[in-house]
Amino acid sequence: MNTTFHPDAIQTAANHTRDLLALAIGHTDEAAAVVVWDGDSELSRALTEAYRLSLPDATFIDFNATEADAIRASFEDLHPGDLVVMIQSTSFRLDAFRIRIELFNRSLKVVEHPHLARMTGEEALIYIESLAYDPAYFRGVGHALKARLDEATVGIVQSAGAVLTFPVGFESAKMNIGDYTGMKNIGGQFPIGEVFTESRDLEAVHGRLTISFFGDTSFNLKRPPHPITLVIEKGRVVATENSTEEFEEVLECIRRDDGEVWLRELGLGMNRAFTQDRTVLDIGTFERMCGVHVSLGSKHAMYNKPNIRKKTAKHHVDVFAVTERVLLDGDVIYEDGNWVV
């Protein structure tokens, strides 16, 4: 397979995928594995070569060269506990067949690598680095963050002189840390590394948040020429400072569809491969960045709120804080670019 990646990068990716399959997913040689891939991007080709090294006994299926019925048939031959890996330059579609949901319904383990075409050159190497799985870090810090969030009554995010306050506690935090103990489904989208929640009462959230990145309407990461400050009152963005035309267009799109700009998710990213200086274009990947991101818009599928109609909520736009410190009940849990729990 033609790829411009240095063999060392392929080997590094193979080592990382081998670890995440063994340590996070719990895949063993006794279980079958199917890898569905495409060759439409440099990174998809490189990851496919890496998985050929880390999963030498797997069945590899070229998505572009295989009929949809044949791909579905390969899934039907698997048994509960078997593994499916999807390496996607964009996102695979099989007519009305909702791939990940259907695979989980069959009790299969799933590893997804979507939107790989968005990341090229140095970004592709950062992506490979982000697949490294350190269970002591992800599980230790992840569980500690969840425990602190679940018991906290007040949370504060300090960002470039701005202070955002969550004064009434948080919903039960969710973890994406490669620990699927007690969960119905094993796997999901990689890379991983996040603990997320939202305020128990959205209208209680108030203050200001300075952001350095935001997601546009195409789910691409945008860095404005200077940080932008959001003014939040009663859980809504009511004003901005030092904004840009492009970001205002994002806010206007949210207002047009959702009526107002709610601040919902509080995401604590843990993946140390991503920083303010080491970025990737794909927003679904970069949201694991070590630091704080929040979502703008009414949509947040994990939590229900009485003042938001789930069926009509359309937008969930991630924005990333210039995170200086995070405090829970007065205790610092993030400082100098690291979680300290």
Protein backbone atom coordinates (compact mmCIF):
# COMPACT_ATOMS: atom_id res chain seq x y z
CA MET A 1 0.00 0.00 0.00
CA ASN A 2 1.36 3.40 -0.98
CA THR A 3 1.96 5.68 2.01
CA THR A 4 4.43 8.50 2.50
CA PHE A 5 4.79 7.84 6.23
CA HIS A 6 8.21 6.87 7.51
CA PRO A 7 8.32 3.23 8.65
CA ASP A 8 9.07 4.42 12.19
CA ALA A 9 5.75 6.30 12.26
CA ILE A 10 3.91 3.19 11.07
CA GLN A 11 5.59 1.13 13.76
CA THR A 12 4.72 3.72 16.41
CA ALA A 13 1.09 3.62 15.29
CA ALA A 14 1.16 -0.18 15.41
CA ASN A 15 2.52 -0.12 18.95
CA HIS A 16 -0.14 2.36 20.06
CA THR A 17 -3.02 0.46 18.45
CA ARG A 18 -1.76 -2.82 19.89
CA ASP A 19 -1.78 -1.26 23.37
CA LEU A 20 -5.20 0.35 23.07
CA LEU A 21 -6.71 -2.89 21.76
CA ALA A 22 -5.22 -4.92 24.61
CA LEU A 23 -5.45 -2.45 27.50
CA ALA A 24 -8.54 -0.39 26.67
CA ILE A 25 -10.68 -2.64 24.47
CA GLY A 26 -9.62 -5.97 25.98
CA HIS A 27 -9.21 -7.68 22.62
CA THR A 28 -7.45 -11.06 22.66
CA ASP A 29 -6.17 -13.47 20.01
CA GLU A 30 -9.12 -15.78 20.78
CA ALA A 31 -11.57 -13.22 19.39
CA ALA A 32 -12.06 -12.51 15.68
CA ALA A 33 -11.37 -9.09 14.20
CA VAL A 34 -12.50 -7.28 11.06
CA VAL A 35 -10.84 -4.07 9.86
CA VAL A 36 -12.83 -2.00 7.36
CA TRP A 37 -10.63 0.63 5.73
CA ASP A 38 -10.34 3.00 2.81
CA GLY A 39 -7.28 4.28 0.99
CA ASP A 40 -8.58 7.78 0.34
CA SER A 41 -6.15 9.63 2.62
CA GLU A 42 -2.56 9.43 3.73
CA LEU A 43 -3.51 8.86 7.35
CA SER A 44 -6.08 6.16 6.58
CA ARG A 45 -3.48 4.25 4.57
CA ALA A 46 -0.90 4.63 7.34
CA LEU A 47 -3.31 3.43 10.05
CA THR A 48 -4.31 0.47 7.92
CA GLU A 49 -0.67 -0.56 7.63
CA ALA A 50 -0.32 -0.12 11.39
CA TYR A 51 -3.30 -2.37 12.08
CA ARG A 52 -1.89 -5.01 9.73
CA LEU A 53 1.03 -5.16 12.16
CA SER A 54 -0.99 -5.00 15.38
CA LEU A 55 -3.82 -7.28 14.14
CA PRO A 56 -2.04 -9.74 11.82
CA ASP A 57 -4.87 -12.31 11.96
CA ALA A 58 -7.70 -9.84 11.24
CA THR A 59 -9.81 -9.81 8.09
CA PHE A 60 -9.18 -6.58 6.14
CA ILE A 61 -11.96 -5.20 3.93
CA ASP A 62 -11.47 -2.36 1.47
CA PHE A 63 -14.65 -0.30 1.88
CA ASN A 64 -14.43 1.21 -1.61
CA ALA A 65 -13.88 -2.14 -3.34
CA THR A 66 -16.51 -4.18 -1.48
CA GLU A 67 -20.29 -4.28 -1.90
CA ALA A 68 -22.32 -3.06 1.05
CA ASP A 69 -24.06 -6.46 1.40
CA ALA A 70 -20.68 -8.18 1.64
CA ILE A 71 -19.53 -5.80 4.37
CA ARG A 72 -22.71 -6.38 6.35
CA ALA A 73 -22.29 -10.14 5.87
CA SER A 74 -18.80 -9.95 7.38
CA PHE A 75 -20.32 -8.38 10.51
CA GLU A 76 -22.98 -11.09 10.71
CA ASP A 77 -20.27 -13.76 10.82
CA LEU A 78 -18.86 -12.29 14.03
CA HIS A 79 -19.78 -13.33 17.56
CA PRO A 80 -20.35 -11.22 20.69
CA GLY A 81 -17.02 -9.96 21.97
CA ASP A 82 -15.39 -9.91 18.54
CA LEU A 83 -13.86 -6.69 17.21
CA VAL A 84 -14.58 -4.30 14.34
CA VAL A 85 -12.13 -1.49 13.49
CA MET A 86 -13.21 1.23 11.04
CA ILE A 87 -10.52 3.38 9.43
CA GLN A 88 -12.32 6.20 7.64
CA SER A 89 -11.08 9.13 5.59
CA THR A 90 -14.55 10.63 6.07
CA SER A 91 -17.33 8.55 7.63
CA PHE A 92 -18.60 5.22 6.32
CA ARG A 93 -22.24 4.91 5.28
CA LEU A 94 -24.09 1.69 4.45
CA ASP A 95 -27.47 2.98 3.33
CA ALA A 96 -29.80 2.95 6.36
CA PHE A 97 -27.45 0.63 8.26
CA ARG A 98 -26.25 2.65 11.27
CA ILE A 99 -22.90 0.97 11.56
CA ARG A 100 -21.75 1.67 15.11
CA ILE A 101 -25.23 1.23 16.61
CA GLU A 102 -25.78 -2.03 14.74
CA LEU A 103 -22.38 -3.36 15.79
CA PHE A 104 -23.01 -2.50 19.43
CA ASN A 105 -26.43 -4.17 19.18
CA ARG A 106 -24.55 -7.33 18.20
CA SER A 107 -22.35 -6.95 21.33
CA LEU A 108 -19.27 -6.36 19.20
CA LYS A 109 -16.34 -4.24 20.28
CA VAL A 110 -15.84 -1.19 18.06
CA VAL A 111 -12.89 1.11 17.35
CA GLU A 112 -13.63 4.03 15.01
CA HIS A 113 -11.11 6.35 13.37
CA PRO A 114 -13.25 8.84 11.39
CA HIS A 115 -12.44 12.00 9.38
CA LEU A 116 -8.80 11.06 8.85
CA ALA A 117 -8.58 13.03 5.59
CA ARG A 118 -8.77 16.24 7.61
CA MET A 119 -5.36 15.58 9.16
CA THR A 120 -2.24 15.62 7.03
CA GLY A 121 1.51 16.13 7.49
CA GLU A 122 2.44 17.10 11.04
CA GLU A 123 -1.20 16.82 12.16
CA ALA A 124 -1.25 13.17 11.11
CA LEU A 125 1.81 12.49 13.28
CA ILE A 126 0.12 14.25 16.22
CA TYR A 127 -2.92 12.06 15.65
CA ILE A 128 -0.76 8.94 15.82
CA GLU A 129 0.77 10.18 19.07
CA SER A 130 -2.71 10.76 20.50
CA LEU A 131 -3.49 7.03 20.19
CA ALA A 132 -0.95 6.13 22.89
CA TYR A 133 -2.79 4.55 25.83
CA ASP A 134 -1.46 5.00 29.36
CA PRO A 135 -4.02 3.26 31.59
CA ALA A 136 -2.54 4.61 34.83
CA TYR A 137 -2.95 8.17 33.59
CA PHE A 138 -6.27 7.94 31.75
CA ARG A 139 -8.01 5.79 34.35
CA GLY A 140 -6.39 7.31 37.41
CA VAL A 141 -6.96 10.93 36.45
CA GLY A 142 -10.27 10.18 34.72
CA HIS A 143 -11.89 8.51 37.72
CA ALA A 144 -10.50 11.18 40.03
CA LEU A 145 -11.98 13.96 37.89
CA LYS A 146 -15.36 12.25 37.80
CA ALA A 147 -15.36 11.79 41.57
CA ARG A 148 -14.50 15.44 42.15
CA LEU A 149 -17.09 16.72 39.65
CA ASP A 150 -19.84 14.50 41.05
CA GLU A 151 -19.37 15.83 44.59
CA ALA A 152 -18.53 19.47 43.75
CA THR A 153 -20.92 22.29 44.52
CA VAL A 154 -19.00 25.11 42.81
CA GLY A 155 -16.75 25.02 39.75
CA ILE A 156 -14.64 27.85 38.37
CA VAL A 157 -12.74 28.10 35.08
CA GLN A 158 -10.11 30.84 34.87
CA SER A 159 -9.07 31.80 31.35
CA ALA A 160 -6.82 34.74 30.47
CA GLY A 161 -8.25 36.88 33.26
CA ALA A 162 -11.84 35.79 32.67
CA VAL A 163 -13.76 33.79 35.28
CA LEU A 164 -16.65 31.45 34.50
CA THR A 165 -18.62 30.13 37.47
CA PHE A 166 -20.73 26.98 37.81
CA PRO A 167 -22.32 27.67 41.22
CA VAL A 168 -24.80 24.80 41.76
CA GLY A 169 -22.88 21.61 41.00
CA PHE A 170 -22.84 19.28 38.04
CA GLU A 171 -24.67 16.41 36.44
CA SER A 172 -23.14 12.95 36.93
CA ALA A 173 -19.96 13.08 34.85
CA LYS A 174 -19.35 10.78 31.90
CA MET A 175 -15.93 9.34 31.08
CA ASN A 176 -14.21 8.52 27.80
CA ILE A 177 -11.00 7.09 29.21
CA GLY A 178 -10.73 3.57 27.83
CA ASP A 179 -12.37 1.97 30.86
CA TYR A 180 -15.61 0.25 29.89
CA THR A 181 -16.21 -1.51 33.20
CA GLY A 182 -19.94 -1.92 33.75
CA MET A 183 -20.82 -0.40 30.38
CA LYS A 184 -23.08 -2.06 27.84
CA ASN A 185 -20.86 -1.11 24.88
CA ILE A 186 -17.10 -1.43 24.54
CA GLY A 187 -15.30 1.03 22.28
CA GLY A 188 -16.21 4.09 20.27
CA GLN A 189 -14.36 6.90 18.52
CA PHE A 190 -10.62 7.22 19.00
CA PRO A 191 -8.48 8.96 20.16
CA ILE A 192 -9.90 9.12 23.68
CA GLY A 193 -9.33 11.14 26.83
CA GLU A 194 -12.18 13.21 28.24
CA VAL A 195 -14.46 13.59 31.25
CA PHE A 196 -17.53 15.72 30.64
CA THR A 197 -20.62 17.00 32.40
CA GLU A 198 -22.79 20.12 32.53
CA SER A 199 -24.32 22.34 35.17
CA ARG A 200 -27.29 20.89 37.06
CA ASP A 201 -29.04 24.20 36.40
CA LEU A 202 -27.94 25.72 33.10
CA GLU A 203 -29.27 29.16 34.03
CA ALA A 204 -27.02 29.33 37.08
CA VAL A 205 -23.85 29.50 34.96
CA HIS A 206 -22.43 33.01 34.66
CA GLY A 207 -19.25 34.97 34.04
CA ARG A 208 -16.78 35.21 31.19
CA LEU A 209 -14.73 32.70 29.22
CA THR A 210 -11.81 33.48 26.92
CA ILE A 211 -11.43 31.04 24.05
CA SER A 212 -8.57 30.37 21.63
CA PHE A 213 -10.30 27.93 19.23
CA PHE A 214 -13.80 27.17 18.03
CA GLY A 215 -15.49 24.69 15.73
CA ASP A 216 -17.02 25.99 12.53
CA THR A 217 -20.16 24.72 10.80
CA SER A 218 -18.10 22.08 8.96
CA PHE A 219 -16.70 20.66 12.23
CA ASN A 220 -13.26 22.04 11.47
CA LEU A 221 -11.07 23.70 14.09
CA LYS A 222 -10.62 27.44 13.75
CA ARG A 223 -8.04 29.58 15.52
CA PRO A 224 -9.01 33.27 15.48
CA PRO A 225 -6.18 35.82 15.16
CA HIS A 226 -6.66 36.67 18.84
CA PRO A 227 -8.56 35.15 21.78
CA ILE A 228 -12.27 35.90 22.01
CA THR A 229 -14.11 36.47 25.28
CA LEU A 230 -17.66 35.21 25.79
CA VAL A 231 -19.99 36.94 28.24
CA ILE A 232 -22.37 34.45 29.84
CA GLU A 233 -25.50 35.37 31.79
CA LYS A 234 -28.10 32.86 32.97
CA GLY A 235 -26.31 30.12 31.07
CA ARG A 236 -26.44 31.93 27.73
CA VAL A 237 -23.88 33.78 25.64
CA VAL A 238 -25.21 37.34 25.63
CA ALA A 239 -22.19 39.20 24.25
CA THR A 240 -18.64 38.80 22.96
CA GLU A 241 -15.46 40.84 23.17
CA ASN A 242 -12.64 40.95 20.59
CA SER A 243 -14.71 38.70 18.37
CA THR A 244 -14.29 37.97 14.67
CA GLU A 245 -16.72 37.94 11.78
CA GLU A 246 -16.34 34.19 11.36
CA PHE A 247 -17.14 33.43 15.00
CA GLU A 248 -20.11 35.79 14.97
CA GLU A 249 -21.43 33.86 11.97
CA VAL A 250 -21.26 30.66 14.05
CA LEU A 251 -23.20 32.34 16.88
CA GLU A 252 -25.77 33.72 14.45
CA CYS A 253 -26.28 30.25 12.99
CA ILE A 254 -26.96 28.89 16.48
CA ARG A 255 -29.37 31.73 17.28
CA ARG A 256 -31.23 31.25 14.03
CA ASP A 257 -31.90 27.56 14.71
CA ASP A 258 -31.91 27.32 18.52
CA GLY A 259 -33.23 30.79 19.38
CA GLU A 260 -30.41 31.55 21.81
CA VAL A 261 -26.87 30.39 22.56
CA TRP A 262 -26.84 28.10 25.58
CA LEU A 263 -23.61 27.01 27.22
CA ARG A 264 -24.02 23.31 27.96
CA GLU A 265 -21.18 20.80 28.06
CA LEU A 266 -18.19 21.30 30.33
CA GLY A 267 -15.50 19.05 28.87
CA LEU A 268 -12.26 18.26 30.65
CA GLY A 269 -9.92 17.03 27.93
CA MET A 270 -7.09 14.74 28.99
CA ASN A 271 -5.17 13.78 25.86
CA ARG A 272 -1.70 15.26 26.24
CA ALA A 273 -0.87 14.89 22.54
CA PHE A 274 -3.09 17.95 21.89
CA THR A 275 -2.27 21.38 23.30
CA GLN A 276 -2.80 25.03 22.42
CA ASP A 277 0.22 24.68 20.12
CA ARG A 278 -0.26 21.11 18.84
CA THR A 279 -3.56 21.02 17.01
CA VAL A 280 -5.48 19.06 14.39
CA LEU A 281 -8.20 20.26 12.05
CA ASP A 282 -10.88 17.73 13.02
CA ILE A 283 -12.89 19.11 15.94
CA GLY A 284 -14.10 15.66 17.05
CA THR A 285 -10.47 14.67 17.53
CA PHE A 286 -9.18 17.90 19.02
CA GLU A 287 -11.88 18.03 21.69
CA ARG A 288 -9.73 15.56 23.66
CA MET A 289 -7.13 18.34 24.08
CA CYS A 290 -5.70 18.60 27.57
CA GLY A 291 -7.67 21.52 28.97
CA VAL A 292 -11.24 22.81 29.04
CA HIS A 293 -13.80 23.07 26.28
CA VAL A 294 -17.48 23.92 26.48
CA SER A 295 -20.29 23.48 23.98
CA LEU A 296 -22.47 26.26 22.63
CA GLY A 297 -25.99 25.52 21.46
CA SER A 298 -28.96 23.62 22.82
CA LYS A 299 -27.88 20.12 21.83
CA HIS A 300 -26.29 17.75 24.34
CA ALA A 301 -27.62 14.24 23.93
CA MET A 302 -26.25 12.89 27.21
CA TYR A 303 -28.33 15.12 29.49
CA ASN A 304 -31.95 16.21 29.51
CA LYS A 305 -33.02 19.63 30.73
CA PRO A 306 -36.66 20.68 31.26
CA ASN A 307 -36.17 24.07 29.60
CA ILE A 308 -34.71 22.62 26.37
CA ARG A 309 -36.65 20.54 23.87
CA LYS A 310 -34.35 17.72 22.84
CA LYS A 311 -36.07 17.13 19.49
CA THR A 312 -35.60 20.71 18.31
CA ALA A 313 -32.08 21.29 19.67
CA LYS A 314 -29.75 21.43 16.67
CA HIS A 315 -26.36 22.82 17.59
CA HIS A 316 -23.43 21.58 19.66
CA VAL A 317 -20.38 23.71 18.85
CA ASP A 318 -17.20 23.12 20.83
CA VAL A 319 -15.09 26.10 21.87
CA PHE A 320 -11.78 25.81 23.71
CA ALA A 321 -10.74 27.94 26.65
CA VAL A 322 -7.36 29.53 27.22
CA THR A 323 -7.36 27.44 30.36
CA GLU A 324 -5.23 28.78 33.20
CA ARG A 325 -6.81 27.13 36.22
CA VAL A 326 -9.84 25.04 37.09
CA LEU A 327 -11.13 24.94 40.66
CA LEU A 328 -13.74 22.74 42.33
CA ASP A 329 -14.95 23.94 45.72
CA GLY A 330 -11.85 26.10 45.98
CA ASP A 331 -9.34 23.35 45.21
CA VAL A 332 -7.19 23.67 42.10
CA ILE A 333 -7.60 20.64 39.81
CA TYR A 334 -5.93 22.06 36.67
CA GLU A 335 -2.90 24.33 36.48
CA ASP A 336 0.14 24.83 34.22
CA GLY A 337 -1.34 22.68 31.49
CA ASN A 338 -1.96 19.60 33.65
CA TRP A 339 -4.68 18.00 35.74
CA VAL A 340 -3.63 17.85 39.41
CA VAL A 341 -6.03 15.42 41.08
